[in-house]
């Protein structure tokens, strides 16, 4: 592996780690904040009650944090896979 490719590979690995850490920080900050939302449903002629079992409400920031974590982990996996699979000169 040439020095330039090795340096780029290390930089990509560090970038992937930094992106993953940033995503985890965003998720941690958003998990600490309570999510409040309002829901108004009007069914004037219905005698049934709607219950949403298993409803999970995620804020936009927590979804962005999760996507950033996944992108960072993909960068790390790609970099490690490239480094593992690259041929070495004897």
N, C-alpha and C. Protein backbone atom coordinates (compact mmCIF):
# COMPACT_ATOMS: atom_id res chain seq x y z
N UNK A 1 0.85 -1.17 0.00
CA UNK A 1 0.00 0.00 0.00
C UNK A 1 0.90 1.24 0.00
N UNK A 2 0.61 2.17 -0.83
CA UNK A 2 1.43 3.37 -0.88
C UNK A 2 1.10 4.26 0.31
N UNK A 3 1.99 5.20 0.54
CA UNK A 3 1.78 6.10 1.67
C UNK A 3 0.54 6.95 1.50
N UNK A 4 0.29 7.37 0.27
CA UNK A 4 -0.88 8.22 0.02
C UNK A 4 -2.18 7.46 0.29
N UNK A 5 -2.26 6.23 -0.16
CA UNK A 5 -3.45 5.42 0.07
C UNK A 5 -3.59 5.09 1.54
N UNK A 6 -2.47 4.80 2.20
CA UNK A 6 -2.50 4.51 3.63
C UNK A 6 -2.96 5.74 4.42
N UNK A 7 -2.48 6.89 4.05
CA UNK A 7 -2.88 8.13 4.74
C UNK A 7 -4.36 8.43 4.50
N UNK A 8 -4.83 8.22 3.28
CA UNK A 8 -6.24 8.45 2.97
C UNK A 8 -7.11 7.44 3.72
N UNK A 9 -6.63 6.21 3.83
CA UNK A 9 -7.38 5.20 4.55
C UNK A 9 -7.49 5.54 6.04
N UNK A 10 -6.41 6.00 6.62
CA UNK A 10 -6.45 6.42 8.03
C UNK A 10 -7.36 7.62 8.24
N UNK A 11 -7.30 8.57 7.30
CA UNK A 11 -8.16 9.74 7.40
C UNK A 11 -9.63 9.35 7.30
N UNK A 12 -9.94 8.43 6.41
CA UNK A 12 -11.32 7.96 6.26
C UNK A 12 -11.78 7.21 7.51
N UNK A 13 -10.88 6.44 8.11
CA UNK A 13 -11.20 5.73 9.34
C UNK A 13 -11.49 6.72 10.48
N UNK A 14 -10.66 7.73 10.61
CA UNK A 14 -10.89 8.75 11.64
C UNK A 14 -12.17 9.54 11.38
N UNK A 15 -12.44 9.83 10.12
CA UNK A 15 -13.67 10.53 9.78
C UNK A 15 -14.89 9.70 10.12
N UNK A 16 -14.84 8.41 9.82
CA UNK A 16 -15.95 7.52 10.15
C UNK A 16 -16.18 7.43 11.65
N UNK A 17 -15.08 7.35 12.40
CA UNK A 17 -15.21 7.31 13.87
C UNK A 17 -15.80 8.62 14.40
N UNK A 18 -15.33 9.73 13.87
CA UNK A 18 -15.84 11.03 14.33
C UNK A 18 -17.32 11.20 14.00
N UNK A 19 -17.73 10.76 12.82
CA UNK A 19 -19.13 10.86 12.43
C UNK A 19 -19.99 9.97 13.33
N UNK A 20 -19.50 8.78 13.63
CA UNK A 20 -20.25 7.88 14.51
C UNK A 20 -20.41 8.47 15.91
N UNK A 21 -19.33 9.03 16.44
CA UNK A 21 -19.39 9.65 17.77
C UNK A 21 -20.35 10.84 17.76
N UNK A 22 -20.32 11.63 16.70
CA UNK A 22 -21.24 12.78 16.62
C UNK A 22 -22.69 12.30 16.59
N UNK A 23 -22.97 11.24 15.88
CA UNK A 23 -24.33 10.70 15.85
C UNK A 23 -24.77 10.18 17.20
N UNK A 24 -23.87 9.53 17.92
CA UNK A 24 -24.20 9.04 19.26
C UNK A 24 -24.46 10.20 20.21
N UNK A 25 -23.69 11.28 20.08
CA UNK A 25 -23.91 12.46 20.91
C UNK A 25 -25.28 13.07 20.63
N UNK A 26 -25.64 13.17 19.36
CA UNK A 26 -26.97 13.71 19.00
C UNK A 26 -28.07 12.82 19.57
N UNK A 27 -27.90 11.51 19.47
CA UNK A 27 -28.90 10.61 20.04
C UNK A 27 -29.00 10.75 21.56
N UNK A 28 -27.86 10.90 22.22
CA UNK A 28 -27.87 11.03 23.68
C UNK A 28 -28.52 12.33 24.12
N UNK A 29 -28.26 13.40 23.41
CA UNK A 29 -28.87 14.69 23.76
C UNK A 29 -30.37 14.63 23.53
N UNK A 30 -30.79 14.02 22.45
CA UNK A 30 -32.22 13.94 22.15
C UNK A 30 -32.94 12.97 23.08
N UNK A 31 -32.26 11.95 23.55
CA UNK A 31 -32.89 11.01 24.48
C UNK A 31 -33.15 11.66 25.83
N UNK A 32 -32.34 12.65 26.17
CA UNK A 32 -32.51 13.33 27.46
C UNK A 32 -33.69 14.30 27.43
N UNK A 33 -34.04 14.76 26.25
CA UNK A 33 -35.16 15.70 26.11
C UNK A 33 -36.48 14.97 25.95
N UNK A 34 -37.50 15.36 26.71
CA UNK A 34 -38.80 14.71 26.50
C UNK A 34 -39.44 15.17 25.19
N UNK A 35 -40.10 14.24 24.55
CA UNK A 35 -40.78 14.55 23.29
C UNK A 35 -42.24 14.82 23.60
N UNK A 36 -42.70 15.99 23.22
CA UNK A 36 -44.10 16.32 23.45
C UNK A 36 -44.76 16.54 22.08
N UNK A 37 -45.94 16.04 21.97
CA UNK A 37 -46.67 16.22 20.73
C UNK A 37 -48.16 16.20 21.06
N UNK A 38 -48.93 16.72 20.18
CA UNK A 38 -50.37 16.72 20.36
C UNK A 38 -51.04 15.92 19.27
N UNK A 39 -52.09 15.26 19.65
CA UNK A 39 -52.79 14.46 18.68
C UNK A 39 -54.28 14.66 18.92
N UNK A 40 -54.97 15.09 17.89
CA UNK A 40 -56.40 15.31 18.00
C UNK A 40 -57.08 14.45 16.95
N UNK A 41 -57.93 13.59 17.40
CA UNK A 41 -58.69 12.75 16.47
C UNK A 41 -60.18 12.93 16.77
N UNK A 42 -60.97 13.08 15.74
CA UNK A 42 -62.39 13.33 15.92
C UNK A 42 -63.17 12.29 15.14
N UNK A 43 -63.91 11.51 15.86
CA UNK A 43 -64.77 10.52 15.22
C UNK A 43 -66.16 10.66 15.84
N UNK A 44 -67.02 11.50 15.27
CA UNK A 44 -68.28 11.83 15.93
C UNK A 44 -69.27 10.68 16.02
N UNK A 45 -69.30 9.76 15.08
CA UNK A 45 -70.31 8.72 15.08
C UNK A 45 -69.75 7.35 15.47
N UNK A 46 -68.59 7.34 16.05
CA UNK A 46 -67.96 6.06 16.38
C UNK A 46 -68.04 5.80 17.88
N UNK A 47 -68.38 4.56 18.24
CA UNK A 47 -68.41 4.18 19.64
C UNK A 47 -67.14 3.44 20.05
N UNK A 48 -66.22 3.24 19.12
CA UNK A 48 -65.00 2.52 19.45
C UNK A 48 -63.91 3.50 19.87
N UNK A 49 -63.01 2.98 20.65
CA UNK A 49 -61.88 3.80 21.11
C UNK A 49 -60.62 3.33 20.40
N UNK A 50 -59.89 4.26 19.85
CA UNK A 50 -58.65 3.92 19.15
C UNK A 50 -57.50 3.94 20.15
N UNK A 51 -56.80 2.83 20.22
CA UNK A 51 -55.59 2.76 21.03
C UNK A 51 -54.45 2.35 20.12
N UNK A 52 -53.38 3.09 20.17
CA UNK A 52 -52.21 2.80 19.34
C UNK A 52 -51.21 2.01 20.16
N UNK A 53 -51.28 0.69 20.06
CA UNK A 53 -50.36 -0.17 20.79
C UNK A 53 -49.01 -0.17 20.10
N UNK A 54 -47.98 0.00 20.88
CA UNK A 54 -46.62 -0.03 20.33
C UNK A 54 -46.25 1.20 19.55
N UNK A 55 -46.87 2.33 19.80
CA UNK A 55 -46.57 3.56 19.09
C UNK A 55 -45.28 4.16 19.65
N UNK A 56 -44.33 4.38 18.79
CA UNK A 56 -43.08 5.01 19.18
C UNK A 56 -42.96 6.34 18.47
N UNK A 57 -42.72 7.36 19.23
CA UNK A 57 -42.59 8.69 18.66
C UNK A 57 -41.13 9.08 18.71
N UNK A 58 -40.55 9.33 17.54
CA UNK A 58 -39.16 9.76 17.45
C UNK A 58 -39.11 11.16 16.88
N UNK A 59 -38.28 11.97 17.46
CA UNK A 59 -38.13 13.32 16.93
C UNK A 59 -37.25 13.28 15.68
N UNK A 60 -37.28 14.35 14.94
CA UNK A 60 -36.48 14.43 13.72
C UNK A 60 -34.99 14.38 14.06
N UNK A 61 -34.60 15.03 15.13
CA UNK A 61 -33.18 15.05 15.51
C UNK A 61 -32.70 13.65 15.89
N UNK A 62 -33.53 12.85 16.55
CA UNK A 62 -33.10 11.51 16.90
C UNK A 62 -33.00 10.62 15.66
N UNK A 63 -33.86 10.82 14.69
CA UNK A 63 -33.75 10.08 13.43
C UNK A 63 -32.49 10.47 12.68
N UNK A 64 -32.18 11.76 12.66
CA UNK A 64 -30.95 12.23 12.00
C UNK A 64 -29.73 11.66 12.72
N UNK A 65 -29.76 11.63 14.05
CA UNK A 65 -28.65 11.06 14.80
C UNK A 65 -28.44 9.60 14.48
N UNK A 66 -29.53 8.84 14.36
CA UNK A 66 -29.42 7.43 14.02
C UNK A 66 -28.84 7.24 12.61
N UNK A 67 -29.27 8.06 11.68
CA UNK A 67 -28.74 7.97 10.32
C UNK A 67 -27.26 8.32 10.28
N UNK A 68 -26.86 9.33 11.06
CA UNK A 68 -25.45 9.72 11.11
C UNK A 68 -24.60 8.60 11.71
N UNK A 69 -25.10 7.93 12.73
CA UNK A 69 -24.38 6.80 13.31
C UNK A 69 -24.20 5.70 12.27
N UNK A 70 -25.23 5.39 11.53
CA UNK A 70 -25.15 4.34 10.51
C UNK A 70 -24.15 4.72 9.42
N UNK A 71 -24.18 5.97 8.98
CA UNK A 71 -23.23 6.42 7.95
C UNK A 71 -21.80 6.32 8.46
N UNK A 72 -21.58 6.73 9.69
CA UNK A 72 -20.24 6.64 10.27
C UNK A 72 -19.76 5.20 10.38
N UNK A 73 -20.64 4.30 10.81
CA UNK A 73 -20.26 2.89 10.91
C UNK A 73 -20.01 2.28 9.54
N UNK A 74 -20.75 2.71 8.53
CA UNK A 74 -20.49 2.24 7.17
C UNK A 74 -19.13 2.71 6.68
N UNK A 75 -18.76 3.94 7.00
CA UNK A 75 -17.43 4.45 6.63
C UNK A 75 -16.33 3.64 7.30
N UNK A 76 -16.50 3.36 8.58
CA UNK A 76 -15.51 2.58 9.31
C UNK A 76 -15.40 1.17 8.73
N UNK A 77 -16.54 0.55 8.46
CA UNK A 77 -16.53 -0.80 7.90
C UNK A 77 -15.88 -0.83 6.52
N UNK A 78 -16.17 0.16 5.69
CA UNK A 78 -15.58 0.20 4.36
C UNK A 78 -14.07 0.39 4.44
N UNK A 79 -13.64 1.25 5.33
CA UNK A 79 -12.21 1.51 5.48
C UNK A 79 -11.48 0.28 6.00
N UNK A 80 -12.02 -0.36 7.02
CA UNK A 80 -11.39 -1.55 7.56
C UNK A 80 -11.40 -2.70 6.56
N UNK A 81 -12.48 -2.83 5.80
CA UNK A 81 -12.53 -3.85 4.77
C UNK A 81 -11.53 -3.61 3.66
N UNK A 82 -11.35 -2.36 3.28
CA UNK A 82 -10.36 -2.03 2.26
C UNK A 82 -8.95 -2.32 2.76
N UNK A 83 -8.68 -1.92 3.99
CA UNK A 83 -7.34 -2.16 4.55
C UNK A 83 -7.07 -3.65 4.72
N UNK A 84 -8.08 -4.40 5.08
CA UNK A 84 -7.90 -5.85 5.26
C UNK A 84 -7.70 -6.55 3.92
N UNK A 85 -8.40 -6.10 2.90
CA UNK A 85 -8.34 -6.76 1.61
C UNK A 85 -7.25 -6.26 0.68
N UNK A 86 -6.59 -5.17 1.02
CA UNK A 86 -5.55 -4.61 0.15
C UNK A 86 -4.33 -5.52 0.14
N UNK A 87 -3.75 -5.68 -1.01
CA UNK A 87 -2.56 -6.53 -1.13
C UNK A 87 -1.35 -5.77 -0.59
N UNK A 88 -0.52 -6.50 0.06
CA UNK A 88 0.73 -5.94 0.60
C UNK A 88 1.89 -6.38 -0.30
N UNK A 89 2.85 -5.50 -0.45
CA UNK A 89 4.04 -5.86 -1.19
C UNK A 89 4.96 -6.67 -0.30
N UNK A 90 5.55 -7.71 -0.83
CA UNK A 90 6.46 -8.53 0.00
C UNK A 90 7.77 -7.84 0.32
